[in-house]
N, C-alpha and C. Protein backbone atom coordinates (compact mmCIF):
# COMPACT_ATOMS: atom_id res chain seq x y z
N MET A 1 88.58 86.79 98.44
CA MET A 1 89.77 86.63 99.77
C MET A 1 90.46 85.47 99.06
N PHE A 2 91.83 85.71 99.22
CA PHE A 2 92.77 84.55 98.83
C PHE A 2 93.90 84.85 99.83
N ILE A 3 94.80 83.52 99.51
CA ILE A 3 96.17 83.30 100.61
C ILE A 3 96.99 83.48 99.29
N GLU A 4 98.10 84.63 100.00
CA GLU A 4 99.47 84.86 99.30
C GLU A 4 100.92 84.30 100.06
N CYS A 5 101.38 84.19 99.45
CA CYS A 5 103.09 83.94 100.06
C CYS A 5 103.54 85.18 99.37
N VAL A 6 104.50 85.93 100.65
CA VAL A 6 105.25 86.90 100.41
C VAL A 6 106.69 86.40 101.03
N LYS A 7 107.40 87.28 100.38
CA LYS A 7 109.01 86.80 101.09
C LYS A 7 109.75 88.11 101.50
N ASN A 8 110.10 88.46 102.86
CA ASN A 8 110.22 89.39 103.64
C ASN A 8 111.78 88.65 104.03
N ASN A 9 112.91 89.59 103.61
CA ASN A 9 114.30 89.24 104.30
C ASN A 9 114.45 87.64 104.10
N GLY A 10 114.19 87.41 102.82
CA GLY A 10 114.24 85.51 102.67
C GLY A 10 113.34 85.01 103.08
N THR A 11 112.08 84.94 104.33
CA THR A 11 111.21 84.50 104.91
C THR A 11 110.00 84.52 104.18
N ASP A 12 109.73 83.24 103.99
CA ASP A 12 108.01 83.36 103.51
C ASP A 12 106.87 83.32 104.39
N TYR A 13 106.43 84.39 104.10
CA TYR A 13 105.05 84.96 105.26
C TYR A 13 103.86 84.75 104.15
N LEU A 14 102.88 84.24 105.13
CA LEU A 14 101.38 84.09 104.59
C LEU A 14 100.46 85.34 104.67
N ARG A 15 99.87 85.60 104.15
CA ARG A 15 98.60 86.56 104.31
C ARG A 15 97.67 86.19 103.82
N VAL A 16 96.40 87.08 104.16
CA VAL A 16 95.14 86.94 103.83
C VAL A 16 94.98 88.48 102.92
N THR A 17 94.39 88.29 101.74
CA THR A 17 94.18 89.04 100.78
C THR A 17 92.85 89.61 100.06
N GLU A 18 92.59 90.65 99.68
CA GLU A 18 91.50 90.60 99.16
C GLU A 18 91.63 91.53 98.02
N VAL A 19 90.72 92.19 96.48
CA VAL A 19 90.94 92.55 95.64
C VAL A 19 90.04 93.92 95.62
N PHE A 20 89.72 94.78 95.45
CA PHE A 20 88.61 95.99 95.67
C PHE A 20 88.99 96.70 94.63
N ARG A 21 87.71 97.23 94.12
CA ARG A 21 87.51 98.32 93.17
C ARG A 21 87.80 99.78 93.76
N ASP A 22 89.43 100.32 93.46
CA ASP A 22 89.74 101.63 94.16
C ASP A 22 88.55 102.86 93.28
N GLU A 23 87.56 103.67 93.27
CA GLU A 23 87.21 104.21 92.65
C GLU A 23 87.37 105.90 93.01
N SER A 24 87.87 106.09 94.01
CA SER A 24 88.93 107.19 94.64
C SER A 24 89.31 108.20 93.47
N GLY A 25 90.01 107.94 92.54
CA GLY A 25 90.32 108.67 91.83
C GLY A 25 89.72 108.98 90.52
N GLU A 26 90.47 109.55 89.34
CA GLU A 26 89.97 110.13 88.20
C GLU A 26 89.76 108.97 87.28
N VAL A 27 90.85 107.44 87.27
CA VAL A 27 90.65 106.53 86.52
C VAL A 27 90.48 105.05 87.70
N PRO A 28 89.50 104.40 87.49
CA PRO A 28 89.20 103.35 89.00
C PRO A 28 90.58 102.10 88.79
N LYS A 29 90.67 101.63 89.50
CA LYS A 29 91.99 101.01 89.73
C LYS A 29 91.90 99.73 90.76
N CYS A 30 92.37 98.41 90.13
CA CYS A 30 91.82 97.63 91.26
C CYS A 30 93.08 97.43 92.01
N ARG A 31 93.09 97.72 93.43
CA ARG A 31 93.49 97.60 94.33
C ARG A 31 93.40 96.15 95.27
N ARG A 32 95.02 95.64 96.32
CA ARG A 32 95.04 94.57 97.27
C ARG A 32 94.97 95.30 98.38
N ARG A 33 94.21 94.43 99.58
CA ARG A 33 94.07 95.29 100.68
C ARG A 33 94.37 93.71 101.96
N VAL A 34 95.38 93.94 102.73
CA VAL A 34 95.69 93.17 103.56
C VAL A 34 94.54 92.60 104.52
N LEU A 35 93.70 91.29 104.56
CA LEU A 35 92.99 91.23 105.95
C LEU A 35 93.86 90.71 106.91
N ARG A 36 94.83 90.33 107.08
CA ARG A 36 95.42 89.32 107.91
C ARG A 36 96.74 88.86 107.25
N ASN A 37 97.72 89.06 108.33
CA ASN A 37 98.73 88.58 107.94
C ASN A 37 98.97 87.39 109.35
N VAL A 38 99.33 86.05 108.48
CA VAL A 38 99.12 85.17 109.41
C VAL A 38 100.26 84.56 109.88
N GLY A 39 101.48 84.57 109.15
CA GLY A 39 102.55 84.63 109.96
C GLY A 39 103.58 83.53 109.03
N PRO A 40 105.07 83.56 109.75
CA PRO A 40 105.64 82.69 108.59
C PRO A 40 104.98 81.49 107.94
N LEU A 41 105.52 81.31 107.23
CA LEU A 41 105.11 79.55 106.11
C LEU A 41 105.35 78.89 106.74
N SER A 42 106.96 78.43 107.81
CA SER A 42 107.86 77.58 108.02
C SER A 42 106.64 76.98 109.91
N ARG A 43 105.89 77.91 110.39
CA ARG A 43 105.63 77.52 111.32
C ARG A 43 103.99 76.49 111.00
N PHE A 44 103.60 76.77 109.89
CA PHE A 44 102.29 75.93 109.74
C PHE A 44 102.87 74.65 108.88
N ASP A 45 103.75 75.16 107.91
CA ASP A 45 103.84 73.58 106.81
C ASP A 45 103.86 72.53 107.78
N ASP A 46 103.36 71.78 107.36
CA ASP A 46 103.19 70.35 107.80
C ASP A 46 104.50 69.08 107.33
N GLY A 47 105.08 69.82 105.83
CA GLY A 47 106.36 69.16 105.62
C GLY A 47 105.85 68.41 104.52
N LYS A 48 104.27 67.88 104.13
CA LYS A 48 104.25 67.62 103.12
C LYS A 48 104.07 67.98 101.79
N PRO A 49 103.99 67.29 100.75
CA PRO A 49 104.31 68.08 99.50
C PRO A 49 103.18 69.09 99.06
N GLU A 50 103.39 70.54 98.80
CA GLU A 50 102.45 71.29 97.85
C GLU A 50 101.55 71.66 99.32
N TYR A 51 102.25 72.49 100.15
CA TYR A 51 101.62 72.66 101.49
C TYR A 51 100.51 74.36 101.00
N LEU A 52 101.00 75.04 100.13
CA LEU A 52 100.77 75.89 100.06
C LEU A 52 99.33 76.00 99.30
N LYS A 53 99.76 74.94 98.16
CA LYS A 53 98.40 74.39 97.31
C LYS A 53 97.13 73.97 98.02
N ARG A 54 97.70 72.88 98.75
CA ARG A 54 96.45 72.82 99.55
C ARG A 54 95.56 73.42 100.91
N LEU A 55 96.94 74.74 101.24
CA LEU A 55 96.07 74.82 101.95
C LEU A 55 94.70 76.31 101.23
N ARG A 56 95.52 76.74 100.31
CA ARG A 56 94.65 77.40 99.30
C ARG A 56 93.66 77.11 99.34
N GLU A 57 93.32 75.61 98.63
CA GLU A 57 92.31 74.76 98.42
C GLU A 57 91.59 74.98 99.47
N SER A 58 91.72 74.21 100.73
CA SER A 58 90.91 74.36 102.14
C SER A 58 90.17 75.35 102.38
N PHE A 59 90.70 76.76 101.68
CA PHE A 59 90.78 77.88 102.17
C PHE A 59 88.89 78.12 101.51
N ARG A 60 89.48 78.04 100.14
CA ARG A 60 88.08 78.02 98.74
C ARG A 60 87.68 77.47 99.44
N ILE A 61 87.53 76.17 99.90
CA ILE A 61 86.01 75.67 99.82
C ILE A 61 85.77 75.58 101.46
N GLY A 62 86.04 76.29 101.85
CA GLY A 62 85.54 76.93 103.64
C GLY A 62 86.01 75.96 104.72
N SER A 63 87.22 75.32 104.62
CA SER A 63 87.59 74.67 106.02
C SER A 63 88.86 74.50 105.95
N PRO A 64 89.99 75.65 106.09
CA PRO A 64 91.28 75.97 105.91
C PRO A 64 91.74 75.18 106.62
N ILE A 65 93.09 75.04 106.77
CA ILE A 65 93.93 73.90 107.34
C ILE A 65 94.30 74.29 108.57
N ILE A 66 94.48 76.00 108.57
CA ILE A 66 94.66 76.68 110.01
C ILE A 66 93.64 76.95 110.24
N GLU A 67 93.09 76.76 111.44
CA GLU A 67 91.92 76.98 112.20
C GLU A 67 91.83 78.60 112.40
N SER A 68 92.33 79.16 112.96
CA SER A 68 92.46 81.00 113.29
C SER A 68 91.69 81.30 111.59
N LEU A 69 92.11 80.36 110.25
CA LEU A 69 91.48 81.60 109.58
C LEU A 69 89.65 80.82 108.88
N SER A 70 89.79 80.35 110.14
CA SER A 70 87.82 80.01 109.79
C SER A 70 87.17 80.68 110.37
N GLU A 71 87.45 81.77 111.12
CA GLU A 71 87.00 83.00 111.30
C GLU A 71 86.71 84.33 110.17
N LEU A 72 87.75 84.14 109.04
CA LEU A 72 87.76 85.07 108.30
C LEU A 72 87.30 84.23 107.66
N TYR A 73 86.62 83.21 107.27
CA TYR A 73 86.03 82.49 105.84
C TYR A 73 84.41 82.99 105.75
N GLY A 74 84.42 83.00 107.27
CA GLY A 74 82.74 83.27 107.66
C GLY A 74 82.28 84.74 107.31
N ALA A 75 83.18 85.29 107.20
CA ALA A 75 82.31 87.25 106.98
C ALA A 75 82.47 87.37 105.21
N LYS A 76 82.92 86.38 104.83
CA LYS A 76 82.28 86.63 103.28
C LYS A 76 81.37 85.37 102.22
N PRO A 77 80.96 85.61 101.49
CA PRO A 77 80.51 84.30 101.27
C PRO A 77 81.39 83.95 99.90
N ALA A 78 81.44 82.32 100.07
CA ALA A 78 82.12 81.32 98.95
C ALA A 78 82.02 82.41 97.54
N ARG A 79 83.04 82.33 97.01
CA ARG A 79 82.74 82.58 95.03
C ARG A 79 81.96 81.38 94.61
N ARG A 80 81.29 81.69 94.12
CA ARG A 80 80.31 81.09 93.17
C ARG A 80 80.44 81.46 91.45
N THR A 81 80.44 80.87 90.92
CA THR A 81 80.23 80.34 89.22
C THR A 81 78.82 80.77 88.52
N VAL A 82 78.07 81.17 88.12
CA VAL A 82 76.78 81.78 87.60
C VAL A 82 76.66 81.86 86.51
N ARG A 83 75.83 81.07 85.63
CA ARG A 83 76.10 80.86 84.27
C ARG A 83 74.38 81.12 83.65
N PHE A 84 73.98 81.87 82.68
CA PHE A 84 72.95 81.58 82.11
C PHE A 84 73.36 81.72 80.69
N GLU A 85 71.60 81.51 79.65
CA GLU A 85 71.66 81.33 78.42
C GLU A 85 70.83 82.37 78.10
N CYS A 86 70.99 82.90 76.70
CA CYS A 86 70.72 83.86 76.26
C CYS A 86 70.11 83.61 74.89
N ASP A 87 68.70 83.48 73.77
CA ASP A 87 68.28 83.50 72.65
C ASP A 87 68.59 84.60 72.29
N LEU A 88 70.00 84.74 71.23
CA LEU A 88 69.82 85.78 70.57
C LEU A 88 68.68 86.14 69.54
N GLU A 89 67.92 85.25 68.78
CA GLU A 89 66.82 85.33 68.20
C GLU A 89 65.94 86.01 68.68
N ASN A 90 65.75 85.66 69.63
CA ASN A 90 64.33 86.64 70.80
C ASN A 90 65.16 87.36 71.51
N ALA A 91 65.41 88.63 70.75
CA ALA A 91 66.01 89.32 71.81
C ALA A 91 65.00 89.83 73.01
N ALA A 92 64.19 90.00 72.63
CA ALA A 92 63.49 90.69 74.05
C ALA A 92 63.14 89.70 74.60
N ASP A 93 63.67 88.37 74.53
CA ASP A 93 63.50 87.70 75.88
C ASP A 93 64.48 87.79 77.15
N CYS A 94 65.99 88.67 76.27
CA CYS A 94 67.06 88.36 76.99
C CYS A 94 66.85 89.40 78.20
């Protein structure tokens, strides 16, 4: 899930979207699905610099600046990175 800003008739709007893999066709495709239209950016902007960047970061760590987005965050686990090592000389152990 991520927050994107789209322009409609010259006004910036915020929405929460997710990327999913659509395997219904002959060739699988990545598509975006809108989970929630948040509203116009001007309604939420606090006037401090880089509001959109701060909003995205707060959403990513689980405590969004916009309170109504906190219920969306709980629906899915936070993204995490997993790293592993494999010894190529001992391929049987991999």
